[in-house]
Amino acid sequence: MKEYEVERYLRGAKLLEIGEGTSEIQKIVISWEIMDN
């Protein structure tokens, strides 16, 4: 299975959400990272 960069970010965000609980801020940061690339 090919892993896409976006999948990695989303999986990382999900793990952080479980640990920290602030998913909305994480989604914003991920979208900034994607837009920079």
PDB file of N, CA and C in Angstrom:
ATOM      1  N   MET A   1       0.845  -1.181   0.000  1.00  0.00           N
ATOM      2  CA  MET A   1       0.000   0.000   0.000  1.00  0.00           C
ATOM      3  C   MET A   1       0.889   1.243   0.000  1.00  0.00           C
ATOM      4  N   LYS A   2       0.603   2.151  -0.924  1.00  0.00           N
ATOM      5  CA  LYS A   2       1.379   3.383  -1.012  1.00  0.00           C
ATOM      6  C   LYS A   2       0.892   4.374   0.042  1.00  0.00           C
ATOM      7  N   GLU A   3       1.836   4.962   0.723  1.00  0.00           N
ATOM      8  CA  GLU A   3       1.487   5.927   1.767  1.00  0.00           C
ATOM      9  C   GLU A   3       1.659   7.342   1.217  1.00  0.00           C
ATOM     10  N   TYR A   4       0.624   8.130   1.312  1.00  0.00           N
ATOM     11  CA  TYR A   4       0.671   9.508   0.856  1.00  0.00           C
ATOM     12  C   TYR A   4       1.055  10.418   2.015  1.00  0.00           C
ATOM     13  N   GLU A   5       1.658  11.543   1.675  1.00  0.00           N
ATOM     14  CA  GLU A   5       2.113  12.488   2.698  1.00  0.00           C
ATOM     15  C   GLU A   5       0.951  12.984   3.558  1.00  0.00           C
ATOM     16  N   VAL A   6      -0.180  13.244   2.913  1.00  0.00           N
ATOM     17  CA  VAL A   6      -1.354  13.731   3.650  1.00  0.00           C
ATOM     18  C   VAL A   6      -1.818  12.684   4.665  1.00  0.00           C
ATOM     19  N   GLU A   7      -1.762  11.417   4.272  1.00  0.00           N
ATOM     20  CA  GLU A   7      -2.156  10.360   5.203  1.00  0.00           C
ATOM     21  C   GLU A   7      -1.280  10.362   6.446  1.00  0.00           C
ATOM     22  N   ARG A   8       0.010  10.586   6.244  1.00  0.00           N
ATOM     23  CA  ARG A   8       0.930  10.633   7.389  1.00  0.00           C
ATOM     24  C   ARG A   8       0.560  11.774   8.328  1.00  0.00           C
ATOM     25  N   TYR A   9       0.278  12.949   7.754  1.00  0.00           N
ATOM     26  CA  TYR A   9      -0.097  14.098   8.587  1.00  0.00           C
ATOM     27  C   TYR A   9      -1.382  13.819   9.361  1.00  0.00           C
ATOM     28  N   LEU A  10      -2.372  13.263   8.660  1.00  0.00           N
ATOM     29  CA  LEU A  10      -3.650  13.005   9.320  1.00  0.00           C
ATOM     30  C   LEU A  10      -3.520  11.946  10.406  1.00  0.00           C
ATOM     31  N   ARG A  11      -2.727  10.913  10.149  1.00  0.00           N
ATOM     32  CA  ARG A  11      -2.513   9.881  11.159  1.00  0.00           C
ATOM     33  C   ARG A  11      -1.804  10.473  12.373  1.00  0.00           C
ATOM     34  N   GLY A  12      -0.808  11.322  12.115  1.00  0.00           N
ATOM     35  CA  GLY A  12      -0.101  11.987  13.203  1.00  0.00           C
ATOM     36  C   GLY A  12      -1.026  12.890  13.999  1.00  0.00           C
ATOM     37  N   ALA A  13      -1.914  13.585  13.292  1.00  0.00           N
ATOM     38  CA  ALA A  13      -2.862  14.472  13.971  1.00  0.00           C
ATOM     39  C   ALA A  13      -3.807  13.666  14.854  1.00  0.00           C
ATOM     40  N   LYS A  14      -4.222  12.506  14.375  1.00  0.00           N
ATOM     41  CA  LYS A  14      -5.129  11.673  15.156  1.00  0.00           C
ATOM     42  C   LYS A  14      -4.447  11.194  16.437  1.00  0.00           C
ATOM     43  N   LEU A  15      -3.189  10.801  16.320  1.00  0.00           N
ATOM     44  CA  LEU A  15      -2.452  10.373  17.514  1.00  0.00           C
ATOM     45  C   LEU A  15      -2.289  11.526  18.494  1.00  0.00           C
ATOM     46  N   LEU A  16      -2.009  12.713  17.976  1.00  0.00           N
ATOM     47  CA  LEU A  16      -1.866  13.875  18.853  1.00  0.00           C
ATOM     48  C   LEU A  16      -3.194  14.244  19.500  1.00  0.00           C
ATOM     49  N   GLU A  17      -4.281  14.100  18.741  1.00  0.00           N
ATOM     50  CA  GLU A  17      -5.608  14.399  19.283  1.00  0.00           C
ATOM     51  C   GLU A  17      -5.906  13.507  20.481  1.00  0.00           C
ATOM     52  N   ILE A  18      -5.545  12.252  20.382  1.00  0.00           N
ATOM     53  CA  ILE A  18      -5.764  11.328  21.499  1.00  0.00           C
ATOM     54  C   ILE A  18      -4.936  11.774  22.705  1.00  0.00           C
ATOM     55  N   GLY A  19      -3.697  12.205  22.433  1.00  0.00           N
ATOM     56  CA  GLY A  19      -2.807  12.594  23.519  1.00  0.00           C
ATOM     57  C   GLY A  19      -3.087  13.970  24.077  1.00  0.00           C
ATOM     58  N   GLU A  20      -3.492  14.910  23.214  1.00  0.00           N
ATOM     59  CA  GLU A  20      -3.642  16.297  23.652  1.00  0.00           C
ATOM     60  C   GLU A  20      -5.068  16.812  23.570  1.00  0.00           C
ATOM     61  N   GLY A  21      -5.835  16.349  22.596  1.00  0.00           N
ATOM     62  CA  GLY A  21      -7.235  16.728  22.521  1.00  0.00           C
ATOM     63  C   GLY A  21      -7.557  17.988  21.743  1.00  0.00           C
ATOM     64  N   THR A  22      -6.595  18.649  21.128  1.00  0.00           N
ATOM     65  CA  THR A  22      -6.872  19.895  20.413  1.00  0.00           C
ATOM     66  C   THR A  22      -6.792  19.659  18.913  1.00  0.00           C
ATOM     67  N   SER A  23      -7.842  19.061  18.361  1.00  0.00           N
ATOM     68  CA  SER A  23      -7.790  18.645  16.960  1.00  0.00           C
ATOM     69  C   SER A  23      -7.937  19.811  15.989  1.00  0.00           C
ATOM     70  N   GLU A  24      -8.672  20.831  16.340  1.00  0.00           N
ATOM     71  CA  GLU A  24      -8.908  21.937  15.407  1.00  0.00           C
ATOM     72  C   GLU A  24      -7.613  22.684  15.093  1.00  0.00           C
ATOM     73  N   ILE A  25      -6.822  22.979  16.100  1.00  0.00           N
ATOM     74  CA  ILE A  25      -5.535  23.649  15.892  1.00  0.00           C
ATOM     75  C   ILE A  25      -4.620  22.761  15.063  1.00  0.00           C
ATOM     76  N   GLN A  26      -4.628  21.476  15.329  1.00  0.00           N
ATOM     77  CA  GLN A  26      -3.781  20.544  14.583  1.00  0.00           C
ATOM     78  C   GLN A  26      -4.180  20.500  13.111  1.00  0.00           C
ATOM     79  N   LYS A  27      -5.462  20.551  12.816  1.00  0.00           N
ATOM     80  CA  LYS A  27      -5.920  20.567  11.422  1.00  0.00           C
ATOM     81  C   LYS A  27      -5.417  21.811  10.706  1.00  0.00           C
ATOM     82  N   ILE A  28      -5.431  22.942  11.397  1.00  0.00           N
ATOM     83  CA  ILE A  28      -4.938  24.183  10.801  1.00  0.00           C
ATOM     84  C   ILE A  28      -3.451  24.081  10.514  1.00  0.00           C
ATOM     85  N   VAL A  29      -2.689  23.584  11.468  1.00  0.00           N
ATOM     86  CA  VAL A  29      -1.243  23.436  11.286  1.00  0.00           C
ATOM     87  C   VAL A  29      -0.946  22.478  10.137  1.00  0.00           C
ATOM     88  N   ILE A  30      -1.667  21.378  10.056  1.00  0.00           N
ATOM     89  CA  ILE A  30      -1.464  20.419   8.970  1.00  0.00           C
ATOM     90  C   ILE A  30      -1.769  21.069   7.628  1.00  0.00           C
ATOM     91  N   SER A  31      -2.846  21.822   7.546  1.00  0.00           N
ATOM     92  CA  SER A  31      -3.179  22.468   6.274  1.00  0.00           C
ATOM     93  C   SER A  31      -2.115  23.481   5.880  1.00  0.00           C
ATOM     94  N   TRP A  32      -1.531  24.186   6.843  1.00  0.00           N
ATOM     95  CA  TRP A  32      -0.429  25.105   6.527  1.00  0.00           C
ATOM     96  C   TRP A  32       0.757  24.343   5.962  1.00  0.00           C
ATOM     97  N   GLU A  33       1.081  23.193   6.579  1.00  0.00           N
ATOM     98  CA  GLU A  33       2.200  22.369   6.111  1.00  0.00           C
ATOM     99  C   GLU A  33       1.959  21.885   4.689  1.00  0.00           C
ATOM    100  N   ILE A  34       0.746  21.461   4.406  1.00  0.00           N
ATOM    101  CA  ILE A  34       0.422  20.968   3.068  1.00  0.00           C
ATOM    102  C   ILE A  34       0.524  22.101   2.051  1.00  0.00           C
ATOM    103  N   MET A  35       0.031  23.275   2.408  1.00  0.00           N
ATOM    104  CA  MET A  35       0.074  24.414   1.488  1.00  0.00           C
ATOM    105  C   MET A  35       1.497  24.888   1.220  1.00  0.00           C
ATOM    106  N   ASP A  36       2.389  24.724   2.192  1.00  0.00           N
ATOM    107  CA  ASP A  36       3.782  25.135   2.002  1.00  0.00           C
ATOM    108  C   ASP A  36       4.503  24.246   1.004  1.00  0.00           C
ATOM    109  N   ASN A  37       4.074  22.997   0.873  1.00  0.00           N
ATOM    110  CA  ASN A  37       4.725  22.055  -0.056  1.00  0.00           C
ATOM    111  C   ASN A  37       4.131  22.214  -1.382  1.00  0.00           C
TER     112      ASN A  37
END
